[in-house]
Amino acid sequence: MRIRVTYATSYAYQSDARHILQVLRLTPRSHEGQHVAGWQVETDADVQLKAGEDAFGNLTHILSTDRPVGGLTITVRGEVRTVDMAGTVARTTERLPAGVFLRETPLTHADAALTGLGERVAREAGDDPLSRMHALMHLLHDELAFDPRATQVTGTAAEALALGRGVCQDFSHIFIAAARSLGYPARYVSGHLVRDGGGLAQEAGHAWAEVMVPGFGWIAFDPANGICPTDAYVRVAVGLDYLGAAPIRGARTGGGEETMVVSLTVAEAQQQ
């Protein structure tokens, strides 16, 4: 599939921001099943963009300002060609051993309920690791409600599980916490998805998880949709949790109240 992504994030400040520093994880890498045919990250303000790479192998840009700005827009335009790999993730850029992704974070802390979730999956799915992960994905998809108003971006896996609802970020955090409780390295993935009626505006990017499954390697699971990612997915960044793979993260000095507007379109290229 040829997927075209157009993504803009606009910030307006109550007064001029004296200094802005952001890490942008907006650029995907090519790997087996995903070829980046062209990609641009631009801004409309007098800022510096320095390309680099983080510890997880994600392509980054460091955005910084050395003079006051009243607002800025970060624009992404790109095209990716994808092939359905049935969830397998191969020939990715790996800077760290898989065992690092067993590390717990505050957002993915496994409390008694999450540990119990993992134990339930182990009982019901048996000893096969791949069957366990598929069972976990389907269980979350079937038993949790998708609700964009239920949680905040700083919410934890334990909080979302207790509520029984959340967004793709919450589904992924719960999946990751339960998988790690069973001893499987798991990581958070941020990216894009061609949704039904592709070409319509979306409110945000998408998120899913990857697990190092013994005998298979990294396998991707999307518990929010109950499927392993297909050629409709664009994989952009990975991390221990949302914070490590967030598209834009940073801080500023001054500016007062901030208004942010996101515009995102993800579609098959021939539909545009």
C-alpha atoms as a PDB file:
ATOM      1  CA  MET A   1       0.000   0.000   0.000  1.00  0.00           C
ATOM      2  CA  ARG A   2       1.159   3.556  -0.747  1.00  0.00           C
ATOM      3  CA  ILE A   3       0.314   5.717   2.231  1.00  0.00           C
ATOM      4  CA  ARG A   4       0.523   9.484   2.266  1.00  0.00           C
ATOM      5  CA  VAL A   5       0.689  11.304   5.593  1.00  0.00           C
ATOM      6  CA  THR A   6       0.017  15.016   6.094  1.00  0.00           C
ATOM      7  CA  TYR A   7       0.389  16.096   9.701  1.00  0.00           C
ATOM      8  CA  ALA A   8       0.456  19.597  11.198  1.00  0.00           C
ATOM      9  CA  THR A   9       0.677  20.685  14.839  1.00  0.00           C
ATOM     10  CA  SER A  10       0.136  24.388  15.471  1.00  0.00           C
ATOM     11  CA  TYR A  11       0.937  26.230  18.705  1.00  0.00           C
ATOM     12  CA  ALA A  12      -0.272  29.731  19.565  1.00  0.00           C
ATOM     13  CA  TYR A  13       0.908  31.474  22.736  1.00  0.00           C
ATOM     14  CA  GLN A  14      -0.772  34.155  24.803  1.00  0.00           C
ATOM     15  CA  SER A  15       2.469  36.137  24.686  1.00  0.00           C
ATOM     16  CA  ASP A  16       5.803  35.490  23.009  1.00  0.00           C
ATOM     17  CA  ALA A  17       7.559  32.341  24.243  1.00  0.00           C
ATOM     18  CA  ARG A  18      11.155  33.253  25.071  1.00  0.00           C
ATOM     19  CA  HIS A  19      12.590  29.794  24.529  1.00  0.00           C
ATOM     20  CA  ILE A  20      11.233  26.487  23.165  1.00  0.00           C
ATOM     21  CA  LEU A  21      12.970  23.128  23.189  1.00  0.00           C
ATOM     22  CA  GLN A  22      11.244  20.064  21.714  1.00  0.00           C
ATOM     23  CA  VAL A  23      12.159  16.544  20.661  1.00  0.00           C
ATOM     24  CA  LEU A  24      10.276  15.539  17.507  1.00  0.00           C
ATOM     25  CA  ARG A  25       9.820  11.846  16.740  1.00  0.00           C
ATOM     26  CA  LEU A  26       7.904  12.330  13.527  1.00  0.00           C
ATOM     27  CA  THR A  27      10.051  10.555  10.928  1.00  0.00           C
ATOM     28  CA  PRO A  28       9.698   6.811  10.218  1.00  0.00           C
ATOM     29  CA  ARG A  29      12.545   4.513   9.236  1.00  0.00           C
ATOM     30  CA  SER A  30      12.497   1.938   6.479  1.00  0.00           C
ATOM     31  CA  HIS A  31      12.526  -1.734   7.425  1.00  0.00           C
ATOM     32  CA  GLU A  32      11.186  -4.983   6.011  1.00  0.00           C
ATOM     33  CA  GLY A  33       7.618  -4.293   4.923  1.00  0.00           C
ATOM     34  CA  GLN A  34       7.972  -0.490   5.156  1.00  0.00           C
ATOM     35  CA  HIS A  35       9.845   1.747   2.711  1.00  0.00           C
ATOM     36  CA  VAL A  36       9.918   5.501   3.272  1.00  0.00           C
ATOM     37  CA  ALA A  37       9.691   6.974  -0.222  1.00  0.00           C
ATOM     38  CA  GLY A  38       9.882  10.603   0.908  1.00  0.00           C
ATOM     39  CA  TRP A  39       9.493  12.539   4.140  1.00  0.00           C
ATOM     40  CA  GLN A  40       9.779  16.189   5.205  1.00  0.00           C
ATOM     41  CA  VAL A  41       9.548  17.937   8.572  1.00  0.00           C
ATOM     42  CA  GLU A  42       9.257  21.723   8.405  1.00  0.00           C
ATOM     43  CA  THR A  43       8.251  24.685  10.577  1.00  0.00           C
ATOM     44  CA  ASP A  44       6.956  28.154   9.769  1.00  0.00           C
ATOM     45  CA  ALA A  45       8.872  29.935  12.544  1.00  0.00           C
ATOM     46  CA  ASP A  46      12.454  31.108  12.979  1.00  0.00           C
ATOM     47  CA  VAL A  47      13.672  27.981  14.772  1.00  0.00           C
ATOM     48  CA  GLN A  48      16.498  25.493  14.490  1.00  0.00           C
ATOM     49  CA  LEU A  49      15.850  21.852  13.538  1.00  0.00           C
ATOM     50  CA  LYS A  50      18.719  19.459  14.185  1.00  0.00           C
ATOM     51  CA  ALA A  51      18.330  15.903  12.897  1.00  0.00           C
ATOM     52  CA  GLY A  52      19.528  13.017  15.051  1.00  0.00           C
ATOM     53  CA  GLU A  53      18.668   9.697  16.632  1.00  0.00           C
ATOM     54  CA  ASP A  54      17.648   8.720  20.148  1.00  0.00           C
ATOM     55  CA  ALA A  55      18.736   5.747  22.268  1.00  0.00           C
ATOM     56  CA  PHE A  56      15.997   3.521  20.819  1.00  0.00           C
ATOM     57  CA  GLY A  57      17.059   4.172  17.233  1.00  0.00           C
ATOM     58  CA  ASN A  58      14.202   6.558  16.473  1.00  0.00           C
ATOM     59  CA  LEU A  59      14.918   9.351  14.011  1.00  0.00           C
ATOM     60  CA  THR A  60      14.550  12.681  15.795  1.00  0.00           C
ATOM     61  CA  HIS A  61      14.683  16.410  15.264  1.00  0.00           C
ATOM     62  CA  ILE A  62      15.606  18.774  18.088  1.00  0.00           C
ATOM     63  CA  LEU A  63      13.622  21.986  17.693  1.00  0.00           C
ATOM     64  CA  SER A  64      14.984  25.031  19.514  1.00  0.00           C
ATOM     65  CA  THR A  65      14.545  28.798  19.427  1.00  0.00           C
ATOM     66  CA  ASP A  66      16.975  31.555  20.353  1.00  0.00           C
ATOM     67  CA  ARG A  67      14.496  34.415  19.993  1.00  0.00           C
ATOM     68  CA  PRO A  68      10.884  34.992  21.124  1.00  0.00           C
ATOM     69  CA  VAL A  69       8.083  33.541  18.993  1.00  0.00           C
ATOM     70  CA  GLY A  70       4.323  34.000  19.264  1.00  0.00           C
ATOM     71  CA  GLY A  71       3.535  30.590  17.812  1.00  0.00           C
ATOM     72  CA  LEU A  72       4.689  27.966  15.383  1.00  0.00           C
ATOM     73  CA  THR A  73       3.422  25.172  13.165  1.00  0.00           C
ATOM     74  CA  ILE A  74       5.284  21.898  12.653  1.00  0.00           C
ATOM     75  CA  THR A  75       4.329  20.266   9.361  1.00  0.00           C
ATOM     76  CA  VAL A  76       5.038  16.720   8.217  1.00  0.00           C
ATOM     77  CA  ARG A  77       4.514  15.452   4.686  1.00  0.00           C
ATOM     78  CA  GLY A  78       5.547  12.044   3.511  1.00  0.00           C
ATOM     79  CA  GLU A  79       4.835   8.865   1.625  1.00  0.00           C
ATOM     80  CA  VAL A  80       5.491   5.295   2.749  1.00  0.00           C
ATOM     81  CA  ARG A  81       5.095   2.038   0.822  1.00  0.00           C
ATOM     82  CA  THR A  82       4.038  -0.863   2.988  1.00  0.00           C
ATOM     83  CA  VAL A  83       3.575  -4.627   2.718  1.00  0.00           C
ATOM     84  CA  ASP A  84       1.435  -6.750   5.039  1.00  0.00           C
ATOM     85  CA  MET A  85       3.892  -8.725   7.196  1.00  0.00           C
ATOM     86  CA  ALA A  86       1.179 -10.375   9.333  1.00  0.00           C
ATOM     87  CA  GLY A  87       2.451  -8.516  12.383  1.00  0.00           C
ATOM     88  CA  THR A  88       6.098  -9.584  12.121  1.00  0.00           C
ATOM     89  CA  VAL A  89       8.665  -6.810  12.558  1.00  0.00           C
ATOM     90  CA  ALA A  90      12.018  -7.459  10.909  1.00  0.00           C
ATOM     91  CA  ARG A  91      15.201  -5.616   9.913  1.00  0.00           C
ATOM     92  CA  THR A  92      14.449  -2.682  12.153  1.00  0.00           C
ATOM     93  CA  THR A  93      17.166  -0.486  13.617  1.00  0.00           C
ATOM     94  CA  GLU A  94      17.871  -1.948  17.055  1.00  0.00           C
ATOM     95  CA  ARG A  95      20.271  -0.034  19.310  1.00  0.00           C
ATOM     96  CA  LEU A  96      19.469  -1.878  22.545  1.00  0.00           C
ATOM     97  CA  PRO A  97      19.105  -5.533  23.564  1.00  0.00           C
ATOM     98  CA  ALA A  98      15.547  -6.831  23.795  1.00  0.00           C
ATOM     99  CA  GLY A  99      15.877  -7.297  27.559  1.00  0.00           C
ATOM    100  CA  VAL A 100      15.771  -3.512  28.020  1.00  0.00           C
ATOM    101  CA  PHE A 101      12.077  -3.674  27.139  1.00  0.00           C
ATOM    102  CA  LEU A 102      11.346  -5.685  30.265  1.00  0.00           C
ATOM    103  CA  ARG A 103      11.973  -2.495  32.222  1.00  0.00           C
ATOM    104  CA  GLU A 104       8.934  -1.133  34.039  1.00  0.00           C
ATOM    105  CA  THR A 105       8.020   2.558  33.915  1.00  0.00           C
ATOM    106  CA  PRO A 106       5.536   4.577  35.977  1.00  0.00           C
ATOM    107  CA  LEU A 107       3.057   4.427  33.084  1.00  0.00           C
ATOM    108  CA  THR A 108       3.405   0.644  32.727  1.00  0.00           C
ATOM    109  CA  HIS A 109       3.764  -0.392  36.382  1.00  0.00           C
ATOM    110  CA  ALA A 110       2.095  -3.787  36.855  1.00  0.00           C
ATOM    111  CA  ASP A 111      -0.070  -3.664  39.966  1.00  0.00           C
ATOM    112  CA  ALA A 112      -1.930  -6.699  41.318  1.00  0.00           C
ATOM    113  CA  ALA A 113      -4.706  -6.343  38.735  1.00  0.00           C
ATOM    114  CA  LEU A 114      -2.299  -6.214  35.792  1.00  0.00           C
ATOM    115  CA  THR A 115      -0.277  -9.117  37.130  1.00  0.00           C
ATOM    116  CA  GLY A 116      -3.540 -11.014  37.562  1.00  0.00           C
ATOM    117  CA  LEU A 117      -4.421 -10.219  33.957  1.00  0.00           C
ATOM    118  CA  GLY A 118      -1.176 -11.810  32.821  1.00  0.00           C
ATOM    119  CA  GLU A 119      -1.809 -14.869  34.982  1.00  0.00           C
ATOM    120  CA  ARG A 120      -5.299 -15.226  33.530  1.00  0.00           C
ATOM    121  CA  VAL A 121      -3.913 -15.174  29.993  1.00  0.00           C
ATOM    122  CA  ALA A 122      -1.308 -17.791  30.917  1.00  0.00           C
ATOM    123  CA  ARG A 123      -4.004 -20.081  32.352  1.00  0.00           C
ATOM    124  CA  GLU A 124      -6.409 -19.709  29.454  1.00  0.00           C
ATOM    125  CA  ALA A 125      -3.942 -19.698  26.540  1.00  0.00           C
ATOM    126  CA  GLY A 126      -1.491 -22.341  27.745  1.00  0.00           C
ATOM    127  CA  ASP A 127       2.274 -22.295  27.475  1.00  0.00           C
ATOM    128  CA  ASP A 128       2.752 -21.142  23.880  1.00  0.00           C
ATOM    129  CA  PRO A 129       4.067 -17.523  23.953  1.00  0.00           C
ATOM    130  CA  LEU A 130       2.505 -16.496  20.633  1.00  0.00           C
ATOM    131  CA  SER A 131      -0.888 -17.873  21.638  1.00  0.00           C
ATOM    132  CA  ARG A 132      -0.636 -15.980  24.916  1.00  0.00           C
ATOM    133  CA  MET A 133      -0.004 -12.661  23.201  1.00  0.00           C
ATOM    134  CA  HIS A 134      -2.853 -13.162  20.728  1.00  0.00           C
ATOM    135  CA  ALA A 135      -5.126 -14.079  23.632  1.00  0.00           C
ATOM    136  CA  LEU A 136      -4.072 -10.971  25.549  1.00  0.00           C
ATOM    137  CA  MET A 137      -4.745  -8.758  22.533  1.00  0.00           C
ATOM    138  CA  HIS A 138      -8.226 -10.178  21.958  1.00  0.00           C
ATOM    139  CA  LEU A 139      -9.090 -10.085  25.645  1.00  0.00           C
ATOM    140  CA  LEU A 140      -8.303  -6.371  25.886  1.00  0.00           C
ATOM    141  CA  HIS A 141     -10.144  -5.607  22.665  1.00  0.00           C
ATOM    142  CA  ASP A 142     -13.232  -7.511  23.828  1.00  0.00           C
ATOM    143  CA  GLU A 143     -13.353  -6.392  27.460  1.00  0.00           C
ATOM    144  CA  LEU A 144     -12.177  -2.766  27.398  1.00  0.00           C
ATOM    145  CA  ALA A 145     -14.174   0.108  25.927  1.00  0.00           C
ATOM    146  CA  PHE A 146     -12.619   2.668  23.615  1.00  0.00           C
ATOM    147  CA  ASP A 147     -13.399   6.045  25.183  1.00  0.00           C
ATOM    148  CA  PRO A 148     -11.381   9.171  24.246  1.00  0.00           C
ATOM    149  CA  ARG A 149     -12.811  11.098  27.210  1.00  0.00           C
ATOM    150  CA  ALA A 150     -11.979   8.575  29.935  1.00  0.00           C
ATOM    151  CA  THR A 151      -8.250   9.142  30.454  1.00  0.00           C
ATOM    152  CA  GLN A 152      -5.476  11.722  30.216  1.00  0.00           C
ATOM    153  CA  VAL A 153      -2.146  11.486  28.401  1.00  0.00           C
ATOM    154  CA  THR A 154      -0.420  11.044  31.781  1.00  0.00           C
ATOM    155  CA  GLY A 155      -2.699   8.158  32.814  1.00  0.00           C
ATOM    156  CA  THR A 156      -1.189   4.803  33.766  1.00  0.00           C
ATOM    157  CA  ALA A 157      -1.960   1.279  32.624  1.00  0.00           C
ATOM    158  CA  ALA A 158      -3.255   0.418  36.093  1.00  0.00           C
ATOM    159  CA  GLU A 159      -5.650   3.380  36.094  1.00  0.00           C
ATOM    160  CA  ALA A 160      -7.013   2.565  32.625  1.00  0.00           C
ATOM    161  CA  LEU A 161      -7.510  -1.105  33.498  1.00  0.00           C
ATOM    162  CA  ALA A 162      -9.387  -0.130  36.654  1.00  0.00           C
ATOM    163  CA  LEU A 163     -11.651   2.143  34.567  1.00  0.00           C
ATOM    164  CA  GLY A 164     -12.132  -0.527  31.925  1.00  0.00           C
ATOM    165  CA  ARG A 165     -11.780   2.029  29.145  1.00  0.00           C
ATOM    166  CA  GLY A 166      -9.370   4.337  27.387  1.00  0.00           C
ATOM    167  CA  VAL A 167      -7.709   5.145  24.065  1.00  0.00           C
ATOM    168  CA  CYS A 168      -5.092   3.306  22.003  1.00  0.00           C
ATOM    169  CA  GLN A 169      -2.349   4.611  24.322  1.00  0.00           C
ATOM    170  CA  ASP A 170      -4.072   2.997  27.310  1.00  0.00           C
ATOM    171  CA  PHE A 171      -4.748  -0.292  25.507  1.00  0.00           C
ATOM    172  CA  SER A 172      -1.061  -0.433  24.540  1.00  0.00           C
ATOM    173  CA  HIS A 173       0.195   0.361  28.058  1.00  0.00           C
ATOM    174  CA  ILE A 174      -2.029  -2.344  29.565  1.00  0.00           C
ATOM    175  CA  PHE A 175      -0.877  -4.855  26.947  1.00  0.00           C
ATOM    176  CA  ILE A 176       2.784  -3.986  27.569  1.00  0.00           C
ATOM    177  CA  ALA A 177       2.484  -4.205  31.361  1.00  0.00           C
ATOM    178  CA  ALA A 178       0.751  -7.598  31.217  1.00  0.00           C
ATOM    179  CA  ALA A 179       3.233  -8.981  28.669  1.00  0.00           C
ATOM    180  CA  ARG A 180       6.207  -7.882  30.773  1.00  0.00           C
ATOM    181  CA  SER A 181       4.637  -9.436  33.873  1.00  0.00           C
ATOM    182  CA  LEU A 182       4.825 -12.758  31.997  1.00  0.00           C
ATOM    183  CA  GLY A 183       8.507 -12.207  31.190  1.00  0.00           C
ATOM    184  CA  TYR A 184       8.208 -11.026  27.570  1.00  0.00           C
ATOM    185  CA  PRO A 185      10.024  -7.851  26.446  1.00  0.00           C
ATOM    186  CA  ALA A 186       7.406  -5.420  25.162  1.00  0.00           C
ATOM    187  CA  ARG A 187       7.533  -1.890  23.779  1.00  0.00           C
ATOM    188  CA  TYR A 188       5.260   0.965  22.805  1.00  0.00           C
ATOM    189  CA  VAL A 189       4.917   1.991  19.146  1.00  0.00           C
ATOM    190  CA  SER A 190       3.658   5.308  17.835  1.00  0.00           C
ATOM    191  CA  GLY A 191       2.637   5.743  14.231  1.00  0.00           C
ATOM    192  CA  HIS A 192      -0.222   6.152  11.813  1.00  0.00           C
ATOM    193  CA  LEU A 193      -3.112   4.059  10.551  1.00  0.00           C
ATOM    194  CA  VAL A 194      -5.199   4.296   7.395  1.00  0.00           C
ATOM    195  CA  ARG A 195      -8.628   4.071   8.977  1.00  0.00           C
ATOM    196  CA  ASP A 196     -11.936   3.096   7.358  1.00  0.00           C
ATOM    197  CA  GLY A 197     -12.829   5.818   4.908  1.00  0.00           C
ATOM    198  CA  GLY A 198      -9.123   6.636   4.512  1.00  0.00           C
ATOM    199  CA  GLY A 199      -8.449  10.259   3.660  1.00  0.00           C
ATOM    200  CA  LEU A 200     -10.674  11.670   6.390  1.00  0.00           C
ATOM    201  CA  ALA A 201      -9.122  13.971   8.972  1.00  0.00           C
ATOM    202  CA  GLN A 202      -7.957  12.276  12.172  1.00  0.00           C
ATOM    203  CA  GLU A 203      -7.605  13.793  15.626  1.00  0.00           C
ATOM    204  CA  ALA A 204      -4.343  12.017  16.526  1.00  0.00           C
ATOM    205  CA  GLY A 205      -1.869   9.375  15.482  1.00  0.00           C
ATOM    206  CA  HIS A 206      -2.175   5.741  16.504  1.00  0.00           C
ATOM    207  CA  ALA A 207      -0.363   3.502  19.001  1.00  0.00           C
ATOM    208  CA  TRP A 208       0.179  -0.223  19.423  1.00  0.00           C
ATOM    209  CA  ALA A 209       2.702  -2.614  20.977  1.00  0.00           C
ATOM    210  CA  GLU A 210       5.469  -5.012  19.952  1.00  0.00           C
ATOM    211  CA  VAL A 211       6.544  -8.105  21.871  1.00  0.00           C
ATOM    212  CA  MET A 212       9.697 -10.181  21.551  1.00  0.00           C
ATOM    213  CA  VAL A 213       8.117 -13.615  21.143  1.00  0.00           C
ATOM    214  CA  PRO A 214      10.518 -16.558  21.610  1.00  0.00           C
ATOM    215  CA  GLY A 215      11.091 -18.348  18.321  1.00  0.00           C
ATOM    216  CA  PHE A 216       9.573 -15.540  16.232  1.00  0.00           C
ATOM    217  CA  GLY A 217      11.240 -12.222  17.136  1.00  0.00           C
ATOM    218  CA  TRP A 218       9.371  -8.952  17.406  1.00  0.00           C
ATOM    219  CA  ILE A 219       5.637  -9.240  16.694  1.00  0.00           C
ATOM    220  CA  ALA A 220       3.244  -6.278  16.625  1.00  0.00           C
ATOM    221  CA  PHE A 221      -0.173  -6.315  18.301  1.00  0.00           C
ATOM    222  CA  ASP A 222      -2.883  -3.637  18.212  1.00  0.00           C
ATOM    223  CA  PRO A 223      -5.234  -4.362  21.138  1.00  0.00           C
ATOM    224  CA  ALA A 224      -7.359  -1.272  20.456  1.00  0.00           C
ATOM    225  CA  ASN A 225      -8.419  -2.808  17.123  1.00  0.00           C
ATOM    226  CA  GLY A 226      -7.885  -6.469  17.994  1.00  0.00           C
ATOM    227  CA  ILE A 227      -5.538  -7.219  15.088  1.00  0.00           C
ATOM    228  CA  CYS A 228      -1.864  -7.537  14.296  1.00  0.00           C
ATOM    229  CA  PRO A 229      -0.802  -4.490  12.269  1.00  0.00           C
ATOM    230  CA  THR A 230      -1.139  -4.785   8.501  1.00  0.00           C
ATOM    231  CA  ASP A 231       0.029  -2.749   5.523  1.00  0.00           C
ATOM    232  CA  ALA A 232      -2.372  -0.004   6.668  1.00  0.00           C
ATOM    233  CA  TYR A 233       0.041   0.914   9.495  1.00  0.00           C
ATOM    234  CA  VAL A 234       3.040   3.267   9.398  1.00  0.00           C
ATOM    235  CA  ARG A 235       5.530   2.569  12.203  1.00  0.00           C
ATOM    236  CA  VAL A 236       7.287   5.757  13.351  1.00  0.00           C
ATOM    237  CA  ALA A 237       8.870   5.410  16.820  1.00  0.00           C
ATOM    238  CA  VAL A 238       9.258   3.002  19.743  1.00  0.00           C
ATOM    239  CA  GLY A 239       9.885   3.391  23.468  1.00  0.00           C
ATOM    240  CA  LEU A 240       9.346   1.838  26.872  1.00  0.00           C
ATOM    241  CA  ASP A 241       6.029   3.705  26.982  1.00  0.00           C
ATOM    242  CA  TYR A 242       4.256   6.679  25.395  1.00  0.00           C
ATOM    243  CA  LEU A 243       6.775   9.181  26.748  1.00  0.00           C
ATOM    244  CA  GLY A 244       9.646   7.456  24.958  1.00  0.00           C
ATOM    245  CA  ALA A 245       7.845   7.418  21.600  1.00  0.00           C
ATOM    246  CA  ALA A 246       5.750  10.601  21.783  1.00  0.00           C
ATOM    247  CA  PRO A 247       5.642  12.467  18.454  1.00  0.00           C
ATOM    248  CA  ILE A 248       6.389  15.817  20.125  1.00  0.00           C
ATOM    249  CA  ARG A 249       7.757  16.347  23.624  1.00  0.00           C
ATOM    250  CA  GLY A 250       9.365  19.388  25.138  1.00  0.00           C
ATOM    251  CA  ALA A 251       9.248  22.510  27.244  1.00  0.00           C
ATOM    252  CA  ARG A 252       9.170  26.280  26.863  1.00  0.00           C
ATOM    253  CA  THR A 253       9.882  29.427  28.826  1.00  0.00           C
ATOM    254  CA  GLY A 254       7.255  32.150  28.798  1.00  0.00           C
ATOM    255  CA  GLY A 255       4.338  32.398  26.421  1.00  0.00           C
ATOM    256  CA  GLY A 256       1.519  32.172  28.937  1.00  0.00           C
ATOM    257  CA  GLU A 257      -1.467  30.063  27.952  1.00  0.00           C
ATOM    258  CA  GLU A 258      -0.969  27.748  24.984  1.00  0.00           C
ATOM    259  CA  THR A 259      -3.436  26.696  22.305  1.00  0.00           C
ATOM    260  CA  MET A 260      -2.627  23.607  20.235  1.00  0.00           C
ATOM    261  CA  VAL A 261      -4.414  22.445  17.074  1.00  0.00           C
ATOM    262  CA  VAL A 262      -3.603  19.148  15.327  1.00  0.00           C
ATOM    263  CA  SER A 263      -4.494  18.310  11.731  1.00  0.00           C
ATOM    264  CA  LEU A 264      -3.769  14.794  10.440  1.00  0.00           C
ATOM    265  CA  THR A 265      -4.675  12.954   7.259  1.00  0.00           C
ATOM    266  CA  VAL A 266      -3.506   9.400   6.539  1.00  0.00           C
ATOM    267  CA  ALA A 267      -4.649   7.877   3.267  1.00  0.00           C
ATOM    268  CA  GLU A 268      -3.756   5.647   0.365  1.00  0.00           C
ATOM    269  CA  ALA A 269      -1.841   7.859  -2.062  1.00  0.00           C
ATOM    270  CA  GLN A 270      -4.183   7.235  -4.989  1.00  0.00           C
ATOM    271  CA  GLN A 271      -7.127   8.517  -2.917  1.00  0.00           C
ATOM    272  CA  GLN A 272      -5.674  12.011  -2.661  1.00  0.00           C
END
